[in-house]
Amino acid sequence: MNAIITVVGSDKVGIIAKVSAFLAERGINIEDISQTVLSGNFVMMMMVSLGEKAKALEEIKKELDTLGDTLNVSISLMHEKVFSAMHRI
């Protein structure tokens, strides 16, 4: 199953490293990634593949919320199909 993760907040050292480590520890592969810094604001979008051993989507969302709180950023996760449906023109 593929999902989209977005990370938004003030830029600081270690955001990508900590989010990537979080995903790796849970067997979640980053398929594609884009990130930029706009006027000191960090913005990252990732397409990830949740392996068969990955936890349930809702549980991962809760853990990402906790990680976001520790990094002082907003992290969201949604199923790829939901993301695509929301952004269809």
C-alpha atoms as a PDB file:
ATOM      1  CA  MET A   1       0.000   0.000   0.000  1.00  0.00           C
ATOM      2  CA  ASN A   2       1.267   3.473  -0.862  1.00  0.00           C
ATOM      3  CA  ALA A   3       0.702   6.569   1.243  1.00  0.00           C
ATOM      4  CA  ILE A   4       1.621  10.249   1.178  1.00  0.00           C
ATOM      5  CA  ILE A   5       3.410  11.907   4.092  1.00  0.00           C
ATOM      6  CA  THR A   6       3.721  15.672   4.370  1.00  0.00           C
ATOM      7  CA  VAL A   7       5.915  17.525   6.848  1.00  0.00           C
ATOM      8  CA  VAL A   8       5.566  21.279   7.370  1.00  0.00           C
ATOM      9  CA  GLY A   9       7.178  23.574   9.941  1.00  0.00           C
ATOM     10  CA  SER A  10      10.081  25.831  10.761  1.00  0.00           C
ATOM     11  CA  ASP A  11      13.334  24.609   9.248  1.00  0.00           C
ATOM     12  CA  LYS A  12      15.945  23.086  11.554  1.00  0.00           C
ATOM     13  CA  VAL A  13      18.663  20.463  11.417  1.00  0.00           C
ATOM     14  CA  GLY A  14      17.607  16.814  11.560  1.00  0.00           C
ATOM     15  CA  ILE A  15      13.999  16.796  10.338  1.00  0.00           C
ATOM     16  CA  ILE A  16      14.670  14.593   7.309  1.00  0.00           C
ATOM     17  CA  ALA A  17      17.013  12.328   9.284  1.00  0.00           C
ATOM     18  CA  LYS A  18      14.517  11.745  12.103  1.00  0.00           C
ATOM     19  CA  VAL A  19      11.515  11.196   9.844  1.00  0.00           C
ATOM     20  CA  SER A  20      13.548   8.837   7.622  1.00  0.00           C
ATOM     21  CA  ALA A  21      14.817   6.890  10.639  1.00  0.00           C
ATOM     22  CA  PHE A  22      11.255   6.606  11.980  1.00  0.00           C
ATOM     23  CA  LEU A  23      10.089   5.133   8.674  1.00  0.00           C
ATOM     24  CA  ALA A  24      13.056   2.759   8.333  1.00  0.00           C
ATOM     25  CA  GLU A  25      12.498   1.393  11.860  1.00  0.00           C
ATOM     26  CA  ARG A  26       8.961   0.454  10.831  1.00  0.00           C
ATOM     27  CA  GLY A  27       9.843  -1.126   7.486  1.00  0.00           C
ATOM     28  CA  ILE A  28       8.329   1.749   5.504  1.00  0.00           C
ATOM     29  CA  ASN A  29      10.179   2.516   2.262  1.00  0.00           C
ATOM     30  CA  ILE A  30      10.462   6.029   0.811  1.00  0.00           C
ATOM     31  CA  GLU A  31       9.562   5.666  -2.874  1.00  0.00           C
ATOM     32  CA  ASP A  32       9.816   9.372  -3.780  1.00  0.00           C
ATOM     33  CA  ILE A  33      10.636  12.544  -1.859  1.00  0.00           C
ATOM     34  CA  SER A  34      10.571  16.269  -2.456  1.00  0.00           C
ATOM     35  CA  GLN A  35      11.580  18.951   0.021  1.00  0.00           C
ATOM     36  CA  THR A  36      12.210  22.644   0.029  1.00  0.00           C
ATOM     37  CA  VAL A  37      12.727  25.525   2.401  1.00  0.00           C
ATOM     38  CA  LEU A  38      10.672  28.657   1.741  1.00  0.00           C
ATOM     39  CA  SER A  39      11.613  31.714   3.822  1.00  0.00           C
ATOM     40  CA  GLY A  40      12.675  29.500   6.727  1.00  0.00           C
ATOM     41  CA  ASN A  41       9.649  27.176   6.408  1.00  0.00           C
ATOM     42  CA  PHE A  42      10.411  23.516   5.797  1.00  0.00           C
ATOM     43  CA  VAL A  43       8.078  21.627   3.430  1.00  0.00           C
ATOM     44  CA  MET A  44       8.512  17.937   2.541  1.00  0.00           C
ATOM     45  CA  MET A  45       6.296  15.479   0.689  1.00  0.00           C
ATOM     46  CA  MET A  46       7.012  11.767   0.445  1.00  0.00           C
ATOM     47  CA  MET A  47       5.398   8.835  -1.303  1.00  0.00           C
ATOM     48  CA  VAL A  48       5.992   5.807   0.899  1.00  0.00           C
ATOM     49  CA  SER A  49       5.313   2.116   0.564  1.00  0.00           C
ATOM     50  CA  LEU A  50       4.012   0.384   3.670  1.00  0.00           C
ATOM     51  CA  GLY A  51       5.305  -3.161   3.704  1.00  0.00           C
ATOM     52  CA  GLU A  52       3.348  -6.143   4.912  1.00  0.00           C
ATOM     53  CA  LYS A  53       5.046  -5.878   8.304  1.00  0.00           C
ATOM     54  CA  ALA A  54       4.032  -2.224   8.755  1.00  0.00           C
ATOM     55  CA  LYS A  55       1.571  -1.341  11.492  1.00  0.00           C
ATOM     56  CA  ALA A  56      -1.966  -0.193  10.735  1.00  0.00           C
ATOM     57  CA  LEU A  57      -2.264   3.215   9.068  1.00  0.00           C
ATOM     58  CA  GLU A  58      -4.053   4.774  12.068  1.00  0.00           C
ATOM     59  CA  GLU A  59      -1.344   3.599  14.461  1.00  0.00           C
ATOM     60  CA  ILE A  60       1.403   5.026  12.239  1.00  0.00           C
ATOM     61  CA  LYS A  61      -0.525   8.328  12.067  1.00  0.00           C
ATOM     62  CA  LYS A  62      -0.567   8.555  15.865  1.00  0.00           C
ATOM     63  CA  GLU A  63       3.155   7.820  16.065  1.00  0.00           C
ATOM     64  CA  LEU A  64       3.861  10.452  13.387  1.00  0.00           C
ATOM     65  CA  ASP A  65       1.819  12.979  15.389  1.00  0.00           C
ATOM     66  CA  THR A  66       4.034  12.291  18.389  1.00  0.00           C
ATOM     67  CA  LEU A  67       7.184  12.616  16.263  1.00  0.00           C
ATOM     68  CA  GLY A  68       5.857  15.872  14.810  1.00  0.00           C
ATOM     69  CA  ASP A  69       5.316  17.222  18.325  1.00  0.00           C
ATOM     70  CA  THR A  70       8.910  16.431  19.294  1.00  0.00           C
ATOM     71  CA  LEU A  71      10.230  18.088  16.102  1.00  0.00           C
ATOM     72  CA  ASN A  72       7.764  21.004  16.365  1.00  0.00           C
ATOM     73  CA  VAL A  73       6.421  20.308  12.848  1.00  0.00           C
ATOM     74  CA  SER A  74       3.116  19.099  11.436  1.00  0.00           C
ATOM     75  CA  ILE A  75       3.252  15.602   9.936  1.00  0.00           C
ATOM     76  CA  SER A  76       0.307  14.092   8.088  1.00  0.00           C
ATOM     77  CA  LEU A  77      -0.195  10.694   6.490  1.00  0.00           C
ATOM     78  CA  MET A  78      -2.931   9.627   4.098  1.00  0.00           C
ATOM     79  CA  HIS A  79      -3.555   6.741   1.768  1.00  0.00           C
ATOM     80  CA  GLU A  80      -2.406   7.507  -1.783  1.00  0.00           C
ATOM     81  CA  LYS A  81      -5.906   6.975  -3.191  1.00  0.00           C
ATOM     82  CA  VAL A  82      -7.406   9.495  -0.756  1.00  0.00           C
ATOM     83  CA  PHE A  83      -4.683  12.023  -1.584  1.00  0.00           C
ATOM     84  CA  SER A  84      -5.208  11.544  -5.334  1.00  0.00           C
ATOM     85  CA  ALA A  85      -8.977  11.913  -5.013  1.00  0.00           C
ATOM     86  CA  MET A  86      -8.594  15.132  -3.006  1.00  0.00           C
ATOM     87  CA  HIS A  87      -6.264  16.674  -5.604  1.00  0.00           C
ATOM     88  CA  ARG A  88      -8.032  15.582  -8.795  1.00  0.00           C
ATOM     89  CA  ILE A  89      -9.023  18.473 -11.032  1.00  0.00           C
END
